[in-house]
Amino acid sequence: MGFLTNVVLPALEAVDQMGLVAIGAGLCACTGTFSAVGEALICSHAIDGIARNPEMYGKLRSTMILAVALDESTGIYALIVAILIIFALPSMF
């Protein structure tokens, strides 16, 4: 508890509010980046499955599209949260 009360809390009191807003928005942007990596993995594994078993093309494609849509929604949510952090949060303080 000593490190938290002696080092972290005084450092946070000295930090500008907009700096914390920028850090929060940056973390949301990283979430969008990880979503893109997840989409690439989904597509690459679906292509691998189609290459191994071409008869399953239709089922694998529809499953891939559903998975990519669900993964893309996390990136969109992260973008919305980042925009809210940038524009709505500073006006609250």
PDB file of N, CA and C in Angstrom:
ATOM      1  N   MET A   1       0.823  -1.196   0.000  1.00  0.00           N
ATOM      2  CA  MET A   1       0.000   0.000   0.000  1.00  0.00           C
ATOM      3  C   MET A   1       0.865   1.256   0.000  1.00  0.00           C
ATOM      4  N   GLY A   2       2.096   1.129   0.447  1.00  0.00           N
ATOM      5  CA  GLY A   2       2.961   2.289   0.519  1.00  0.00           C
ATOM      6  C   GLY A   2       3.302   2.846  -0.852  1.00  0.00           C
ATOM      7  N   PHE A   3       3.553   1.967  -1.824  1.00  0.00           N
ATOM      8  CA  PHE A   3       3.879   2.427  -3.169  1.00  0.00           C
ATOM      9  C   PHE A   3       2.708   3.173  -3.776  1.00  0.00           C
ATOM     10  N   LEU A   4       1.510   2.662  -3.562  1.00  0.00           N
ATOM     11  CA  LEU A   4       0.320   3.294  -4.115  1.00  0.00           C
ATOM     12  C   LEU A   4       0.093   4.674  -3.510  1.00  0.00           C
ATOM     13  N   THR A   5       0.178   4.778  -2.208  1.00  0.00           N
ATOM     14  CA  THR A   5      -0.110   6.066  -1.556  1.00  0.00           C
ATOM     15  C   THR A   5       1.041   7.050  -1.678  1.00  0.00           C
ATOM     16  N   ASN A   6       2.262   6.558  -1.733  1.00  0.00           N
ATOM     17  CA  ASN A   6       3.411   7.462  -1.757  1.00  0.00           C
ATOM     18  C   ASN A   6       3.855   7.869  -3.154  1.00  0.00           C
ATOM     19  N   VAL A   7       3.637   7.008  -4.151  1.00  0.00           N
ATOM     20  CA  VAL A   7       4.158   7.273  -5.483  1.00  0.00           C
ATOM     21  C   VAL A   7       3.048   7.487  -6.502  1.00  0.00           C
ATOM     22  N   VAL A   8       2.113   6.553  -6.569  1.00  0.00           N
ATOM     23  CA  VAL A   8       1.137   6.573  -7.656  1.00  0.00           C
ATOM     24  C   VAL A   8       0.126   7.703  -7.479  1.00  0.00           C
ATOM     25  N   LEU A   9      -0.464   7.815  -6.317  1.00  0.00           N
ATOM     26  CA  LEU A   9      -1.495   8.840  -6.123  1.00  0.00           C
ATOM     27  C   LEU A   9      -0.966  10.269  -6.257  1.00  0.00           C
ATOM     28  N   PRO A  10       0.209  10.626  -5.703  1.00  0.00           N
ATOM     29  CA  PRO A  10       0.722  11.973  -5.969  1.00  0.00           C
ATOM     30  C   PRO A  10       1.033  12.217  -7.450  1.00  0.00           C
ATOM     31  N   ALA A  11       1.474  11.181  -8.153  1.00  0.00           N
ATOM     32  CA  ALA A  11       1.756  11.345  -9.586  1.00  0.00           C
ATOM     33  C   ALA A  11       0.471  11.588 -10.353  1.00  0.00           C
ATOM     34  N   LEU A  12      -0.604  10.908  -9.991  1.00  0.00           N
ATOM     35  CA  LEU A  12      -1.878  11.106 -10.669  1.00  0.00           C
ATOM     36  C   LEU A  12      -2.476  12.479 -10.375  1.00  0.00           C
ATOM     37  N   GLU A  13      -2.224  13.016  -9.200  1.00  0.00           N
ATOM     38  CA  GLU A  13      -2.732  14.352  -8.883  1.00  0.00           C
ATOM     39  C   GLU A  13      -2.043  15.422  -9.718  1.00  0.00           C
ATOM     40  N   ALA A  14      -0.796  15.172 -10.095  1.00  0.00           N
ATOM     41  CA  ALA A  14      -0.047  16.145 -10.871  1.00  0.00           C
ATOM     42  C   ALA A  14      -0.329  16.046 -12.372  1.00  0.00           C
ATOM     43  N   VAL A  15      -0.950  14.970 -12.811  1.00  0.00           N
ATOM     44  CA  VAL A  15      -1.192  14.760 -14.236  1.00  0.00           C
ATOM     45  C   VAL A  15      -2.370  15.608 -14.685  1.00  0.00           C
ATOM     46  N   ASP A  16      -2.239  16.176 -15.856  1.00  0.00           N
ATOM     47  CA  ASP A  16      -3.318  16.949 -16.444  1.00  0.00           C
ATOM     48  C   ASP A  16      -4.463  16.020 -16.846  1.00  0.00           C
ATOM     49  N   GLN A  17      -5.691  16.502 -16.723  1.00  0.00           N
ATOM     50  CA  GLN A  17      -6.862  15.697 -17.048  1.00  0.00           C
ATOM     51  C   GLN A  17      -6.872  15.284 -18.518  1.00  0.00           C
ATOM     52  N   MET A  18      -6.456  16.150 -19.416  1.00  0.00           N
ATOM     53  CA  MET A  18      -6.464  15.817 -20.843  1.00  0.00           C
ATOM     54  C   MET A  18      -5.451  14.717 -21.173  1.00  0.00           C
ATOM     55  N   GLY A  19      -4.394  14.617 -20.393  1.00  0.00           N
ATOM     56  CA  GLY A  19      -3.442  13.535 -20.596  1.00  0.00           C
ATOM     57  C   GLY A  19      -4.076  12.184 -20.317  1.00  0.00           C
ATOM     58  N   LEU A  20      -4.868  12.118 -19.259  1.00  0.00           N
ATOM     59  CA  LEU A  20      -5.562  10.870 -18.946  1.00  0.00           C
ATOM     60  C   LEU A  20      -6.610  10.543 -20.000  1.00  0.00           C
ATOM     61  N   VAL A  21      -7.256  11.563 -20.538  1.00  0.00           N
ATOM     62  CA  VAL A  21      -8.224  11.346 -21.612  1.00  0.00           C
ATOM     63  C   VAL A  21      -7.516  10.775 -22.843  1.00  0.00           C
ATOM     64  N   ALA A  22      -6.357  11.296 -23.160  1.00  0.00           N
ATOM     65  CA  ALA A  22      -5.602  10.803 -24.310  1.00  0.00           C
ATOM     66  C   ALA A  22      -5.155   9.357 -24.097  1.00  0.00           C
ATOM     67  N   ILE A  23      -4.761   9.018 -22.877  1.00  0.00           N
ATOM     68  CA  ILE A  23      -4.368   7.633 -22.584  1.00  0.00           C
ATOM     69  C   ILE A  23      -5.560   6.703 -22.746  1.00  0.00           C
ATOM     70  N   GLY A  24      -6.722   7.093 -22.252  1.00  0.00           N
ATOM     71  CA  GLY A  24      -7.921   6.271 -22.387  1.00  0.00           C
ATOM     72  C   GLY A  24      -8.323   6.076 -23.840  1.00  0.00           C
ATOM     73  N   ALA A  25      -8.260   7.135 -24.628  1.00  0.00           N
ATOM     74  CA  ALA A  25      -8.598   7.019 -26.050  1.00  0.00           C
ATOM     75  C   ALA A  25      -7.575   6.150 -26.779  1.00  0.00           C
ATOM     76  N   GLY A  26      -6.323   6.240 -26.388  1.00  0.00           N
ATOM     77  CA  GLY A  26      -5.290   5.396 -26.991  1.00  0.00           C
ATOM     78  C   GLY A  26      -5.498   3.924 -26.686  1.00  0.00           C
ATOM     79  N   LEU A  27      -5.926   3.621 -25.466  1.00  0.00           N
ATOM     80  CA  LEU A  27      -6.228   2.229 -25.123  1.00  0.00           C
ATOM     81  C   LEU A  27      -7.390   1.702 -25.949  1.00  0.00           C
ATOM     82  N   CYS A  28      -8.376   2.545 -26.191  1.00  0.00           N
ATOM     83  CA  CYS A  28      -9.495   2.128 -27.050  1.00  0.00           C
ATOM     84  C   CYS A  28      -9.027   1.896 -28.481  1.00  0.00           C
ATOM     85  N   ALA A  29      -8.108   2.706 -28.963  1.00  0.00           N
ATOM     86  CA  ALA A  29      -7.574   2.512 -30.308  1.00  0.00           C
ATOM     87  C   ALA A  29      -6.803   1.196 -30.399  1.00  0.00           C
ATOM     88  N   CYS A  30      -6.111   0.825 -29.329  1.00  0.00           N
ATOM     89  CA  CYS A  30      -5.416  -0.471 -29.319  1.00  0.00           C
ATOM     90  C   CYS A  30      -6.406  -1.622 -29.399  1.00  0.00           C
ATOM     91  N   THR A  31      -7.557  -1.465 -28.771  1.00  0.00           N
ATOM     92  CA  THR A  31      -8.589  -2.500 -28.861  1.00  0.00           C
ATOM     93  C   THR A  31      -9.041  -2.676 -30.305  1.00  0.00           C
ATOM     94  N   GLY A  32      -9.181  -1.565 -31.038  1.00  0.00           N
ATOM     95  CA  GLY A  32      -9.536  -1.660 -32.451  1.00  0.00           C
ATOM     96  C   GLY A  32      -8.458  -2.343 -33.264  1.00  0.00           C
ATOM     97  N   THR A  33      -7.208  -2.121 -32.919  1.00  0.00           N
ATOM     98  CA  THR A  33      -6.104  -2.765 -33.615  1.00  0.00           C
ATOM     99  C   THR A  33      -6.124  -4.271 -33.375  1.00  0.00           C
ATOM    100  N   PHE A  34      -6.370  -4.670 -32.134  1.00  0.00           N
ATOM    101  CA  PHE A  34      -6.437  -6.095 -31.829  1.00  0.00           C
ATOM    102  C   PHE A  34      -7.623  -6.747 -32.530  1.00  0.00           C
ATOM    103  N   SER A  35      -8.687  -5.998 -32.729  1.00  0.00           N
ATOM    104  CA  SER A  35      -9.837  -6.516 -33.463  1.00  0.00           C
ATOM    105  C   SER A  35      -9.446  -6.817 -34.908  1.00  0.00           C
ATOM    106  N   ALA A  36      -8.643  -5.960 -35.510  1.00  0.00           N
ATOM    107  CA  ALA A  36      -8.191  -6.196 -36.889  1.00  0.00           C
ATOM    108  C   ALA A  36      -7.307  -7.439 -36.969  1.00  0.00           C
ATOM    109  N   VAL A  37      -6.462  -7.650 -35.978  1.00  0.00           N
ATOM    110  CA  VAL A  37      -5.623  -8.852 -35.952  1.00  0.00           C
ATOM    111  C   VAL A  37      -6.508 -10.096 -35.821  1.00  0.00           C
ATOM    112  N   GLY A  38      -7.549 -10.000 -34.999  1.00  0.00           N
ATOM    113  CA  GLY A  38      -8.472 -11.120 -34.860  1.00  0.00           C
ATOM    114  C   GLY A  38      -9.191 -11.443 -36.154  1.00  0.00           C
ATOM    115  N   GLU A  39      -9.587 -10.418 -36.891  1.00  0.00           N
ATOM    116  CA  GLU A  39     -10.237 -10.647 -38.186  1.00  0.00           C
ATOM    117  C   GLU A  39      -9.296 -11.344 -39.159  1.00  0.00           C
ATOM    118  N   ALA A  40      -8.046 -10.946 -39.169  1.00  0.00           N
ATOM    119  CA  ALA A  40      -7.073 -11.588 -40.060  1.00  0.00           C
ATOM    120  C   ALA A  40      -6.898 -13.056 -39.700  1.00  0.00           C
ATOM    121  N   LEU A  41      -6.865 -13.368 -38.406  1.00  0.00           N
ATOM    122  CA  LEU A  41      -6.740 -14.766 -37.993  1.00  0.00           C
ATOM    123  C   LEU A  41      -7.971 -15.574 -38.382  1.00  0.00           C
ATOM    124  N   ILE A  42      -9.150 -14.991 -38.228  1.00  0.00           N
ATOM    125  CA  ILE A  42     -10.380 -15.683 -38.608  1.00  0.00           C
ATOM    126  C   ILE A  42     -10.359 -16.012 -40.096  1.00  0.00           C
ATOM    127  N   CYS A  43     -10.029 -15.033 -40.897  1.00  0.00           N
ATOM    128  CA  CYS A  43     -10.019 -15.249 -42.358  1.00  0.00           C
ATOM    129  C   CYS A  43      -8.949 -16.255 -42.775  1.00  0.00           C
ATOM    130  N   SER A  44      -7.772 -16.181 -42.178  1.00  0.00           N
ATOM    131  CA  SER A  44      -6.701 -17.100 -42.579  1.00  0.00           C
ATOM    132  C   SER A  44      -7.046 -18.536 -42.209  1.00  0.00           C
ATOM    133  N   HIS A  45      -7.663 -18.723 -41.047  1.00  0.00           N
ATOM    134  CA  HIS A  45      -8.024 -20.088 -40.663  1.00  0.00           C
ATOM    135  C   HIS A  45      -9.187 -20.613 -41.504  1.00  0.00           C
ATOM    136  N   ALA A  46     -10.090 -19.745 -41.908  1.00  0.00           N
ATOM    137  CA  ALA A  46     -11.171 -20.185 -42.789  1.00  0.00           C
ATOM    138  C   ALA A  46     -10.610 -20.591 -44.154  1.00  0.00           C
ATOM    139  N   ILE A  47      -9.654 -19.841 -44.666  1.00  0.00           N
ATOM    140  CA  ILE A  47      -9.032 -20.191 -45.939  1.00  0.00           C
ATOM    141  C   ILE A  47      -8.280 -21.518 -45.817  1.00  0.00           C
ATOM    142  N   ASP A  48      -7.614 -21.744 -44.685  1.00  0.00           N
ATOM    143  CA  ASP A  48      -6.945 -23.025 -44.464  1.00  0.00           C
ATOM    144  C   ASP A  48      -7.954 -24.172 -44.481  1.00  0.00           C
ATOM    145  N   GLY A  49      -9.088 -23.969 -43.832  1.00  0.00           N
ATOM    146  CA  GLY A  49     -10.109 -25.012 -43.808  1.00  0.00           C
ATOM    147  C   GLY A  49     -10.682 -25.283 -45.186  1.00  0.00           C
ATOM    148  N   ILE A  50     -10.886 -24.238 -45.962  1.00  0.00           N
ATOM    149  CA  ILE A  50     -11.400 -24.420 -47.328  1.00  0.00           C
ATOM    150  C   ILE A  50     -10.368 -25.138 -48.197  1.00  0.00           C
ATOM    151  N   ALA A  51      -9.091 -24.829 -47.995  1.00  0.00           N
ATOM    152  CA  ALA A  51      -8.037 -25.494 -48.774  1.00  0.00           C
ATOM    153  C   ALA A  51      -7.956 -26.980 -48.433  1.00  0.00           C
ATOM    154  N   ARG A  52      -8.217 -27.332 -47.180  1.00  0.00           N
ATOM    155  CA  ARG A  52      -8.160 -28.741 -46.783  1.00  0.00           C
ATOM    156  C   ARG A  52      -9.392 -29.514 -47.226  1.00  0.00           C
ATOM    157  N   ASN A  53     -10.555 -28.843 -47.178  1.00  0.00           N
ATOM    158  CA  ASN A  53     -11.802 -29.526 -47.494  1.00  0.00           C
ATOM    159  C   ASN A  53     -12.680 -28.605 -48.334  1.00  0.00           C
ATOM    160  N   PRO A  54     -12.502 -28.592 -49.655  1.00  0.00           N
ATOM    161  CA  PRO A  54     -13.234 -27.654 -50.509  1.00  0.00           C
ATOM    162  C   PRO A  54     -14.754 -27.851 -50.505  1.00  0.00           C
ATOM    163  N   GLU A  55     -15.230 -29.040 -50.129  1.00  0.00           N
ATOM    164  CA  GLU A  55     -16.676 -29.268 -50.114  1.00  0.00           C
ATOM    165  C   GLU A  55     -17.372 -28.451 -49.028  1.00  0.00           C
ATOM    166  N   MET A  56     -16.626 -28.037 -48.021  1.00  0.00           N
ATOM    167  CA  MET A  56     -17.204 -27.278 -46.900  1.00  0.00           C
ATOM    168  C   MET A  56     -17.153 -25.771 -47.141  1.00  0.00           C
ATOM    169  N   TYR A  57     -16.949 -25.363 -48.381  1.00  0.00           N
ATOM    170  CA  TYR A  57     -16.783 -23.939 -48.700  1.00  0.00           C
ATOM    171  C   TYR A  57     -17.947 -23.088 -48.196  1.00  0.00           C
ATOM    172  N   GLY A  58     -19.171 -23.499 -48.485  1.00  0.00           N
ATOM    173  CA  GLY A  58     -20.335 -22.694 -48.116  1.00  0.00           C
ATOM    174  C   GLY A  58     -20.492 -22.537 -46.615  1.00  0.00           C
ATOM    175  N   LYS A  59     -20.334 -23.638 -45.893  1.00  0.00           N
ATOM    176  CA  LYS A  59     -20.489 -23.581 -44.437  1.00  0.00           C
ATOM    177  C   LYS A  59     -19.358 -22.775 -43.794  1.00  0.00           C
ATOM    178  N   LEU A  60     -18.133 -22.983 -44.255  1.00  0.00           N
ATOM    179  CA  LEU A  60     -17.007 -22.240 -43.689  1.00  0.00           C
ATOM    180  C   LEU A  60     -17.103 -20.750 -43.998  1.00  0.00           C
ATOM    181  N   ARG A  61     -17.558 -20.425 -45.211  1.00  0.00           N
ATOM    182  CA  ARG A  61     -17.680 -19.012 -45.577  1.00  0.00           C
ATOM    183  C   ARG A  61     -18.729 -18.310 -44.730  1.00  0.00           C
ATOM    184  N   SER A  62     -19.879 -18.936 -44.540  1.00  0.00           N
ATOM    185  CA  SER A  62     -20.928 -18.286 -43.743  1.00  0.00           C
ATOM    186  C   SER A  62     -20.510 -18.156 -42.280  1.00  0.00           C
ATOM    187  N   THR A  63     -19.826 -19.158 -41.755  1.00  0.00           N
ATOM    188  CA  THR A  63     -19.326 -19.078 -40.380  1.00  0.00           C
ATOM    189  C   THR A  63     -18.266 -17.996 -40.258  1.00  0.00           C
ATOM    190  N   MET A  64     -17.398 -17.880 -41.275  1.00  0.00           N
ATOM    191  CA  MET A  64     -16.357 -16.857 -41.256  1.00  0.00           C
ATOM    192  C   MET A  64     -16.969 -15.457 -41.278  1.00  0.00           C
ATOM    193  N   ILE A  65     -17.991 -15.266 -42.108  1.00  0.00           N
ATOM    194  CA  ILE A  65     -18.621 -13.950 -42.199  1.00  0.00           C
ATOM    195  C   ILE A  65     -19.267 -13.574 -40.875  1.00  0.00           C
ATOM    196  N   LEU A  66     -19.916 -14.517 -40.220  1.00  0.00           N
ATOM    197  CA  LEU A  66     -20.518 -14.250 -38.915  1.00  0.00           C
ATOM    198  C   LEU A  66     -19.453 -13.906 -37.875  1.00  0.00           C
ATOM    199  N   ALA A  67     -18.360 -14.666 -37.861  1.00  0.00           N
ATOM    200  CA  ALA A  67     -17.287 -14.414 -36.895  1.00  0.00           C
ATOM    201  C   ALA A  67     -16.623 -13.063 -37.140  1.00  0.00           C
ATOM    202  N   VAL A  68     -16.413 -12.716 -38.395  1.00  0.00           N
ATOM    203  CA  VAL A  68     -15.796 -11.419 -38.711  1.00  0.00           C
ATOM    204  C   VAL A  68     -16.733 -10.274 -38.313  1.00  0.00           C
ATOM    205  N   ALA A  69     -18.037 -10.461 -38.525  1.00  0.00           N
ATOM    206  CA  ALA A  69     -18.992  -9.421 -38.141  1.00  0.00           C
ATOM    207  C   ALA A  69     -18.997  -9.220 -36.631  1.00  0.00           C
ATOM    208  N   LEU A  70     -18.956 -10.312 -35.866  1.00  0.00           N
ATOM    209  CA  LEU A  70     -18.909 -10.180 -34.408  1.00  0.00           C
ATOM    210  C   LEU A  70     -17.601  -9.540 -33.952  1.00  0.00           C
ATOM    211  N   ASP A  71     -16.512  -9.893 -34.603  1.00  0.00           N
ATOM    212  CA  ASP A  71     -15.218  -9.316 -34.243  1.00  0.00           C
ATOM    213  C   ASP A  71     -15.151  -7.844 -34.632  1.00  0.00           C
ATOM    214  N   GLU A  72     -15.733  -7.498 -35.754  1.00  0.00           N
ATOM    215  CA  GLU A  72     -15.730  -6.099 -36.194  1.00  0.00           C
ATOM    216  C   GLU A  72     -16.546  -5.226 -35.244  1.00  0.00           C
ATOM    217  N   SER A  73     -17.580  -5.802 -34.650  1.00  0.00           N
ATOM    218  CA  SER A  73     -18.396  -5.004 -33.730  1.00  0.00           C
ATOM    219  C   SER A  73     -17.587  -4.550 -32.518  1.00  0.00           C
ATOM    220  N   THR A  74     -16.611  -5.355 -32.075  1.00  0.00           N
ATOM    221  CA  THR A  74     -15.786  -4.913 -30.949  1.00  0.00           C
ATOM    222  C   THR A  74     -14.926  -3.716 -31.346  1.00  0.00           C
ATOM    223  N   GLY A  75     -14.428  -3.711 -32.581  1.00  0.00           N
ATOM    224  CA  GLY A  75     -13.658  -2.552 -33.055  1.00  0.00           C
ATOM    225  C   GLY A  75     -14.512  -1.308 -33.166  1.00  0.00           C
ATOM    226  N   ILE A  76     -15.761  -1.472 -33.608  1.00  0.00           N
ATOM    227  CA  ILE A  76     -16.666  -0.324 -33.708  1.00  0.00           C
ATOM    228  C   ILE A  76     -17.014   0.199 -32.323  1.00  0.00           C
ATOM    229  N   TYR A  77     -17.255  -0.716 -31.365  1.00  0.00           N
ATOM    230  CA  TYR A  77     -17.535  -0.280 -29.995  1.00  0.00           C
ATOM    231  C   TYR A  77     -16.343   0.471 -29.404  1.00  0.00           C
ATOM    232  N   ALA A  78     -15.138  -0.003 -29.693  1.00  0.00           N
ATOM    233  CA  ALA A  78     -13.946   0.677 -29.199  1.00  0.00           C
ATOM    234  C   ALA A  78     -13.826   2.073 -29.795  1.00  0.00           C
ATOM    235  N   LEU A  79     -14.152   2.224 -31.071  1.00  0.00           N
ATOM    236  CA  LEU A  79     -14.125   3.544 -31.708  1.00  0.00           C
ATOM    237  C   LEU A  79     -15.149   4.474 -31.068  1.00  0.00           C
ATOM    238  N   ILE A  80     -16.339   3.977 -30.802  1.00  0.00           N
ATOM    239  CA  ILE A  80     -17.376   4.800 -30.178  1.00  0.00           C
ATOM    240  C   ILE A  80     -16.948   5.227 -28.778  1.00  0.00           C
ATOM    241  N   VAL A  81     -16.380   4.309 -28.016  1.00  0.00           N
ATOM    242  CA  VAL A  81     -15.922   4.647 -26.669  1.00  0.00           C
ATOM    243  C   VAL A  81     -14.789   5.673 -26.725  1.00  0.00           C
ATOM    244  N   ALA A  82     -13.871   5.525 -27.687  1.00  0.00           N
ATOM    245  CA  ALA A  82     -12.779   6.490 -27.817  1.00  0.00           C
ATOM    246  C   ALA A  82     -13.319   7.876 -28.148  1.00  0.00           C
ATOM    247  N   ILE A  83     -14.295   7.951 -29.043  1.00  0.00           N
ATOM    248  CA  ILE A  83     -14.887   9.249 -29.388  1.00  0.00           C
ATOM    249  C   ILE A  83     -15.596   9.849 -28.180  1.00  0.00           C
ATOM    250  N   LEU A  84     -16.314   9.015 -27.433  1.00  0.00           N
ATOM    251  CA  LEU A  84     -16.976   9.516 -26.226  1.00  0.00           C
ATOM    252  C   LEU A  84     -15.973  10.001 -25.192  1.00  0.00           C
ATOM    253  N   ILE A  85     -14.867   9.270 -25.049  1.00  0.00           N
ATOM    254  CA  ILE A  85     -13.839   9.692 -24.098  1.00  0.00           C
ATOM    255  C   ILE A  85     -13.257  11.042 -24.506  1.00  0.00           C
ATOM    256  N   ILE A  86     -12.989  11.204 -25.784  1.00  0.00           N
ATOM    257  CA  ILE A  86     -12.350  12.442 -26.248  1.00  0.00           C
ATOM    258  C   ILE A  86     -13.283  13.640 -26.129  1.00  0.00           C
ATOM    259  N   PHE A  87     -14.548  13.483 -26.519  1.00  0.00           N
ATOM    260  CA  PHE A  87     -15.441  14.633 -26.592  1.00  0.00           C
ATOM    261  C   PHE A  87     -16.360  14.814 -25.402  1.00  0.00           C
ATOM    262  N   ALA A  88     -16.807  13.740 -24.773  1.00  0.00           N
ATOM    263  CA  ALA A  88     -17.785  13.877 -23.694  1.00  0.00           C
ATOM    264  C   ALA A  88     -17.133  13.937 -22.313  1.00  0.00           C
ATOM    265  N   LEU A  89     -16.067  13.194 -22.104  1.00  0.00           N
ATOM    266  CA  LEU A  89     -15.466  13.131 -20.773  1.00  0.00           C
ATOM    267  C   LEU A  89     -14.873  14.452 -20.301  1.00  0.00           C
ATOM    268  N   PRO A  90     -14.134  15.197 -21.123  1.00  0.00           N
ATOM    269  CA  PRO A  90     -13.568  16.464 -20.624  1.00  0.00           C
ATOM    270  C   PRO A  90     -14.633  17.482 -20.227  1.00  0.00           C
ATOM    271  N   SER A  91     -15.808  17.432 -20.849  1.00  0.00           N
ATOM    272  CA  SER A  91     -16.841  18.401 -20.497  1.00  0.00           C
ATOM    273  C   SER A  91     -17.487  18.098 -19.157  1.00  0.00           C
ATOM    274  N   MET A  92     -17.286  16.904 -18.624  1.00  0.00           N
ATOM    275  CA  MET A  92     -17.852  16.550 -17.331  1.00  0.00           C
ATOM    276  C   MET A  92     -17.066  17.162 -16.178  1.00  0.00           C
ATOM    277  N   PHE A  93     -15.806  17.499 -16.422  1.00  0.00           N
ATOM    278  CA  PHE A  93     -14.971  18.008 -15.327  1.00  0.00           C
ATOM    279  C   PHE A  93     -14.827  19.474 -15.396  1.00  0.00           C
TER     280      PHE A  93
END
